[in-house]
Amino acid sequence: MAKNYQSEITQFINQYKAQHPGTEARQREGRARLWDKQIDAQDQDGFRAARVPQEPYVYYQNF
C-alpha cells in the first residue's frame, strides 16, 4: 500500500472537516460534556460499598 493512500472514508471525513471547520471543536465539546468528568474518590468508595452482589443468572426467578 502506498504511503500517501487514503481510503474513501478518510477522504470524505477530511473533505467534510474542510467544509465544516467547527466540527472538531463541537466533537471535543461533546466529549467533555459526556465523558471528561472529575470523579470524587469518596463518592466512588461509597458506590463500591453500597453495591449489592448479583445473582449468577438474573433472569431465573425462584417461585
PDB file of N, CA and C in Angstrom:
ATOM      1  N   MET A   1       0.846  -1.170   0.000  1.00  0.00           N
ATOM      2  CA  MET A   1       0.000   0.000   0.000  1.00  0.00           C
ATOM      3  C   MET A   1       0.896   1.239   0.000  1.00  0.00           C
ATOM      4  N   ALA A   2       0.558   2.191  -0.804  1.00  0.00           N
ATOM      5  CA  ALA A   2       1.353   3.416  -0.907  1.00  0.00           C
ATOM      6  C   ALA A   2       1.220   4.245   0.370  1.00  0.00           C
ATOM      7  N   LYS A   3       2.276   4.965   0.716  1.00  0.00           N
ATOM      8  CA  LYS A   3       2.252   5.766   1.939  1.00  0.00           C
ATOM      9  C   LYS A   3       1.249   6.910   1.860  1.00  0.00           C
ATOM     10  N   ASN A   4       0.982   7.387   0.667  1.00  0.00           N
ATOM     11  CA  ASN A   4       0.070   8.519   0.540  1.00  0.00           C
ATOM     12  C   ASN A   4      -1.362   8.074   0.230  1.00  0.00           C
ATOM     13  N   TYR A   5      -1.652   6.806   0.387  1.00  0.00           N
ATOM     14  CA  TYR A   5      -3.000   6.282   0.125  1.00  0.00           C
ATOM     15  C   TYR A   5      -3.965   6.747   1.202  1.00  0.00           C
ATOM     16  N   GLN A   6      -5.160   7.166   0.799  1.00  0.00           N
ATOM     17  CA  GLN A   6      -6.237   7.489   1.725  1.00  0.00           C
ATOM     18  C   GLN A   6      -7.491   6.779   1.246  1.00  0.00           C
ATOM     19  N   SER A   7      -8.157   6.119   2.160  1.00  0.00           N
ATOM     20  CA  SER A   7      -9.398   5.434   1.805  1.00  0.00           C
ATOM     21  C   SER A   7     -10.477   6.459   1.466  1.00  0.00           C
ATOM     22  N   GLU A   8     -11.553   5.976   0.884  1.00  0.00           N
ATOM     23  CA  GLU A   8     -12.658   6.868   0.538  1.00  0.00           C
ATOM     24  C   GLU A   8     -13.267   7.496   1.788  1.00  0.00           C
ATOM     25  N   ILE A   9     -13.313   6.730   2.848  1.00  0.00           N
ATOM     26  CA  ILE A   9     -13.869   7.247   4.109  1.00  0.00           C
ATOM     27  C   ILE A   9     -12.998   8.375   4.646  1.00  0.00           C
ATOM     28  N   THR A  10     -11.678   8.179   4.643  1.00  0.00           N
ATOM     29  CA  THR A  10     -10.767   9.213   5.128  1.00  0.00           C
ATOM     30  C   THR A  10     -10.877  10.457   4.260  1.00  0.00           C
ATOM     31  N   GLN A  11     -10.973  10.278   2.970  1.00  0.00           N
ATOM     32  CA  GLN A  11     -11.135  11.423   2.075  1.00  0.00           C
ATOM     33  C   GLN A  11     -12.439  12.159   2.386  1.00  0.00           C
ATOM     34  N   PHE A  12     -13.513  11.404   2.600  1.00  0.00           N
ATOM     35  CA  PHE A  12     -14.804  12.015   2.922  1.00  0.00           C
ATOM     36  C   PHE A  12     -14.722  12.818   4.214  1.00  0.00           C
ATOM     37  N   ILE A  13     -14.111  12.243   5.245  1.00  0.00           N
ATOM     38  CA  ILE A  13     -14.005  12.923   6.536  1.00  0.00           C
ATOM     39  C   ILE A  13     -13.176  14.193   6.401  1.00  0.00           C
ATOM     40  N   ASN A  14     -12.057  14.107   5.698  1.00  0.00           N
ATOM     41  CA  ASN A  14     -11.208  15.287   5.501  1.00  0.00           C
ATOM     42  C   ASN A  14     -11.952  16.374   4.727  1.00  0.00           C
ATOM     43  N   GLN A  15     -12.702  15.977   3.717  1.00  0.00           N
ATOM     44  CA  GLN A  15     -13.478  16.927   2.934  1.00  0.00           C
ATOM     45  C   GLN A  15     -14.576  17.553   3.795  1.00  0.00           C
ATOM     46  N   TYR A  16     -15.251  16.735   4.592  1.00  0.00           N
ATOM     47  CA  TYR A  16     -16.304  17.238   5.472  1.00  0.00           C
ATOM     48  C   TYR A  16     -15.742  18.246   6.466  1.00  0.00           C
ATOM     49  N   LYS A  17     -14.594  17.923   7.075  1.00  0.00           N
ATOM     50  CA  LYS A  17     -13.982  18.830   8.042  1.00  0.00           C
ATOM     51  C   LYS A  17     -13.538  20.129   7.390  1.00  0.00           C
ATOM     52  N   ALA A  18     -13.113  20.063   6.133  1.00  0.00           N
ATOM     53  CA  ALA A  18     -12.722  21.278   5.416  1.00  0.00           C
ATOM     54  C   ALA A  18     -13.944  22.156   5.142  1.00  0.00           C
ATOM     55  N   GLN A  19     -15.071  21.537   4.849  1.00  0.00           N
ATOM     56  CA  GLN A  19     -16.288  22.282   4.559  1.00  0.00           C
ATOM     57  C   GLN A  19     -16.997  22.752   5.827  1.00  0.00           C
ATOM     58  N   HIS A  20     -16.783  22.065   6.936  1.00  0.00           N
ATOM     59  CA  HIS A  20     -17.414  22.396   8.221  1.00  0.00           C
ATOM     60  C   HIS A  20     -16.313  22.563   9.274  1.00  0.00           C
ATOM     61  N   PRO A  21     -15.678  23.728   9.330  1.00  0.00           N
ATOM     62  CA  PRO A  21     -14.497  23.901  10.184  1.00  0.00           C
ATOM     63  C   PRO A  21     -14.740  23.759  11.688  1.00  0.00           C
ATOM     64  N   GLY A  22     -15.944  23.911  12.175  1.00  0.00           N
ATOM     65  CA  GLY A  22     -16.195  23.808  13.613  1.00  0.00           C
ATOM     66  C   GLY A  22     -16.465  22.401  14.100  1.00  0.00           C
ATOM     67  N   THR A  23     -16.363  21.408  13.231  1.00  0.00           N
ATOM     68  CA  THR A  23     -16.723  20.036  13.581  1.00  0.00           C
ATOM     69  C   THR A  23     -15.882  19.488  14.726  1.00  0.00           C
ATOM     70  N   GLU A  24     -14.571  19.632  14.643  1.00  0.00           N
ATOM     71  CA  GLU A  24     -13.709  19.059  15.687  1.00  0.00           C
ATOM     72  C   GLU A  24     -13.928  19.738  17.028  1.00  0.00           C
ATOM     73  N   ALA A  25     -14.160  21.048  17.026  1.00  0.00           N
ATOM     74  CA  ALA A  25     -14.424  21.757  18.280  1.00  0.00           C
ATOM     75  C   ALA A  25     -15.723  21.256  18.909  1.00  0.00           C
ATOM     76  N   ARG A  26     -16.754  21.036  18.097  1.00  0.00           N
ATOM     77  CA  ARG A  26     -18.014  20.512  18.633  1.00  0.00           C
ATOM     78  C   ARG A  26     -17.844  19.087  19.150  1.00  0.00           C
ATOM     79  N   GLN A  27     -17.014  18.295  18.487  1.00  0.00           N
ATOM     80  CA  GLN A  27     -16.750  16.934  18.968  1.00  0.00           C
ATOM     81  C   GLN A  27     -16.073  16.973  20.328  1.00  0.00           C
ATOM     82  N   ARG A  28     -15.064  17.847  20.473  1.00  0.00           N
ATOM     83  CA  ARG A  28     -14.367  17.957  21.759  1.00  0.00           C
ATOM     84  C   ARG A  28     -15.312  18.461  22.852  1.00  0.00           C
ATOM     85  N   GLU A  29     -16.189  19.407  22.507  1.00  0.00           N
ATOM     86  CA  GLU A  29     -17.160  19.920  23.471  1.00  0.00           C
ATOM     87  C   GLU A  29     -18.124  18.819  23.920  1.00  0.00           C
ATOM     88  N   GLY A  30     -18.591  18.023  22.982  1.00  0.00           N
ATOM     89  CA  GLY A  30     -19.485  16.920  23.312  1.00  0.00           C
ATOM     90  C   GLY A  30     -18.810  15.878  24.177  1.00  0.00           C
ATOM     91  N   ARG A  31     -17.559  15.578  23.873  1.00  0.00           N
ATOM     92  CA  ARG A  31     -16.829  14.612  24.687  1.00  0.00           C
ATOM     93  C   ARG A  31     -16.654  15.138  26.108  1.00  0.00           C
ATOM     94  N   ALA A  32     -16.299  16.406  26.231  1.00  0.00           N
ATOM     95  CA  ALA A  32     -16.106  16.991  27.562  1.00  0.00           C
ATOM     96  C   ALA A  32     -17.401  16.965  28.349  1.00  0.00           C
ATOM     97  N   ARG A  33     -18.522  17.196  27.680  1.00  0.00           N
ATOM     98  CA  ARG A  33     -19.807  17.218  28.364  1.00  0.00           C
ATOM     99  C   ARG A  33     -20.205  15.831  28.855  1.00  0.00           C
ATOM    100  N   LEU A  34     -19.892  14.795  28.081  1.00  0.00           N
ATOM    101  CA  LEU A  34     -20.373  13.459  28.418  1.00  0.00           C
ATOM    102  C   LEU A  34     -19.349  12.574  29.130  1.00  0.00           C
ATOM    103  N   TRP A  35     -18.073  12.728  28.826  1.00  0.00           N
ATOM    104  CA  TRP A  35     -17.097  11.752  29.295  1.00  0.00           C
ATOM    105  C   TRP A  35     -16.025  12.311  30.214  1.00  0.00           C
ATOM    106  N   ASP A  36     -15.534  13.485  29.973  1.00  0.00           N
ATOM    107  CA  ASP A  36     -14.402  14.013  30.735  1.00  0.00           C
ATOM    108  C   ASP A  36     -14.893  14.651  32.027  1.00  0.00           C
ATOM    109  N   LYS A  37     -15.157  13.825  33.009  1.00  0.00           N
ATOM    110  CA  LYS A  37     -15.687  14.282  34.293  1.00  0.00           C
ATOM    111  C   LYS A  37     -14.688  13.955  35.399  1.00  0.00           C
ATOM    112  N   GLN A  38     -14.670  14.817  36.407  1.00  0.00           N
ATOM    113  CA  GLN A  38     -13.853  14.554  37.581  1.00  0.00           C
ATOM    114  C   GLN A  38     -14.609  13.573  38.478  1.00  0.00           C
ATOM    115  N   ILE A  39     -13.904  12.577  38.984  1.00  0.00           N
ATOM    116  CA  ILE A  39     -14.525  11.562  39.834  1.00  0.00           C
ATOM    117  C   ILE A  39     -14.101  11.816  41.270  1.00  0.00           C
ATOM    118  N   ASP A  40     -15.069  11.907  42.147  1.00  0.00           N
ATOM    119  CA  ASP A  40     -14.804  12.107  43.566  1.00  0.00           C
ATOM    120  C   ASP A  40     -14.485  10.746  44.187  1.00  0.00           C
ATOM    121  N   ALA A  41     -13.319  10.625  44.797  1.00  0.00           N
ATOM    122  CA  ALA A  41     -12.870   9.345  45.355  1.00  0.00           C
ATOM    123  C   ALA A  41     -13.793   8.884  46.488  1.00  0.00           C
ATOM    124  N   GLN A  42     -14.277   9.794  47.317  1.00  0.00           N
ATOM    125  CA  GLN A  42     -15.163   9.404  48.416  1.00  0.00           C
ATOM    126  C   GLN A  42     -16.479   8.853  47.886  1.00  0.00           C
ATOM    127  N   ASP A  43     -17.038   9.523  46.890  1.00  0.00           N
ATOM    128  CA  ASP A  43     -18.276   9.015  46.295  1.00  0.00           C
ATOM    129  C   ASP A  43     -18.057   7.641  45.685  1.00  0.00           C
ATOM    130  N   GLN A  44     -16.942   7.463  45.019  1.00  0.00           N
ATOM    131  CA  GLN A  44     -16.645   6.189  44.375  1.00  0.00           C
ATOM    132  C   GLN A  44     -16.537   5.075  45.415  1.00  0.00           C
ATOM    133  N   ASP A  45     -15.888   5.366  46.541  1.00  0.00           N
ATOM    134  CA  ASP A  45     -15.801   4.374  47.617  1.00  0.00           C
ATOM    135  C   ASP A  45     -17.189   4.030  48.157  1.00  0.00           C
ATOM    136  N   GLY A  46     -18.045   5.030  48.299  1.00  0.00           N
ATOM    137  CA  GLY A  46     -19.407   4.792  48.768  1.00  0.00           C
ATOM    138  C   GLY A  46     -20.199   3.936  47.795  1.00  0.00           C
ATOM    139  N   PHE A  47     -20.037   4.185  46.490  1.00  0.00           N
ATOM    140  CA  PHE A  47     -20.728   3.378  45.479  1.00  0.00           C
ATOM    141  C   PHE A  47     -20.277   1.923  45.553  1.00  0.00           C
ATOM    142  N   ARG A  48     -18.983   1.708  45.729  1.00  0.00           N
ATOM    143  CA  ARG A  48     -18.469   0.335  45.828  1.00  0.00           C
ATOM    144  C   ARG A  48     -19.000  -0.358  47.078  1.00  0.00           C
ATOM    145  N   ALA A  49     -19.048   0.362  48.194  1.00  0.00           N
ATOM    146  CA  ALA A  49     -19.514  -0.224  49.454  1.00  0.00           C
ATOM    147  C   ALA A  49     -21.010  -0.564  49.395  1.00  0.00           C
ATOM    148  N   ALA A  50     -21.781   0.211  48.647  1.00  0.00           N
ATOM    149  CA  ALA A  50     -23.224   0.010  48.581  1.00  0.00           C
ATOM    150  C   ALA A  50     -23.632  -1.020  47.536  1.00  0.00           C
ATOM    151  N   ARG A  51     -22.682  -1.522  46.801  1.00  0.00           N
ATOM    152  CA  ARG A  51     -23.006  -2.455  45.723  1.00  0.00           C
ATOM    153  C   ARG A  51     -23.584  -3.763  46.284  1.00  0.00           C
ATOM    154  N   VAL A  52     -24.623  -4.249  45.628  1.00  0.00           N
ATOM    155  CA  VAL A  52     -25.284  -5.492  46.023  1.00  0.00           C
ATOM    156  C   VAL A  52     -24.803  -6.586  45.077  1.00  0.00           C
ATOM    157  N   PRO A  53     -24.359  -7.733  45.595  1.00  0.00           N
ATOM    158  CA  PRO A  53     -23.901  -8.800  44.708  1.00  0.00           C
ATOM    159  C   PRO A  53     -25.034  -9.302  43.814  1.00  0.00           C
ATOM    160  N   GLN A  54     -24.698  -9.552  42.578  1.00  0.00           N
ATOM    161  CA  GLN A  54     -25.696 -10.007  41.611  1.00  0.00           C
ATOM    162  C   GLN A  54     -25.755 -11.522  41.617  1.00  0.00           C
ATOM    163  N   GLU A  55     -26.972 -12.045  41.464  1.00  0.00           N
ATOM    164  CA  GLU A  55     -27.150 -13.484  41.352  1.00  0.00           C
ATOM    165  C   GLU A  55     -26.514 -13.978  40.058  1.00  0.00           C
ATOM    166  N   PRO A  56     -26.084 -15.252  40.021  1.00  0.00           N
ATOM    167  CA  PRO A  56     -25.407 -15.751  38.823  1.00  0.00           C
ATOM    168  C   PRO A  56     -26.251 -15.645  37.553  1.00  0.00           C
ATOM    169  N   TYR A  57     -27.539 -15.938  37.644  1.00  0.00           N
ATOM    170  CA  TYR A  57     -28.387 -15.845  36.460  1.00  0.00           C
ATOM    171  C   TYR A  57     -29.587 -15.003  36.836  1.00  0.00           C
ATOM    172  N   VAL A  58     -29.578 -13.754  36.429  1.00  0.00           N
ATOM    173  CA  VAL A  58     -30.567 -12.797  36.928  1.00  0.00           C
ATOM    174  C   VAL A  58     -31.962 -13.003  36.360  1.00  0.00           C
ATOM    175  N   TYR A  59     -32.119 -13.729  35.270  1.00  0.00           N
ATOM    176  CA  TYR A  59     -33.420 -13.886  34.645  1.00  0.00           C
ATOM    177  C   TYR A  59     -34.198 -15.081  35.195  1.00  0.00           C
ATOM    178  N   TYR A  60     -33.579 -15.866  36.024  1.00  0.00           N
ATOM    179  CA  TYR A  60     -34.244 -17.023  36.606  1.00  0.00           C
ATOM    180  C   TYR A  60     -34.872 -16.588  37.928  1.00  0.00           C
ATOM    181  N   GLN A  61     -36.137 -16.848  38.099  1.00  0.00           N
ATOM    182  CA  GLN A  61     -36.811 -16.489  39.332  1.00  0.00           C
ATOM    183  C   GLN A  61     -37.228 -17.758  40.065  1.00  0.00           C
ATOM    184  N   ASN A  62     -36.927 -17.803  41.332  1.00  0.00           N
ATOM    185  CA  ASN A  62     -37.365 -18.920  42.160  1.00  0.00           C
ATOM    186  C   ASN A  62     -38.782 -18.644  42.632  1.00  0.00           C
ATOM    187  N   PHE A  63     -39.718 -19.502  42.259  1.00  0.00           N
ATOM    188  CA  PHE A  63     -41.110 -19.327  42.674  1.00  0.00           C
ATOM    189  C   PHE A  63     -41.436 -20.248  43.803  1.00  0.00           C
TER     190      PHE A  63
END
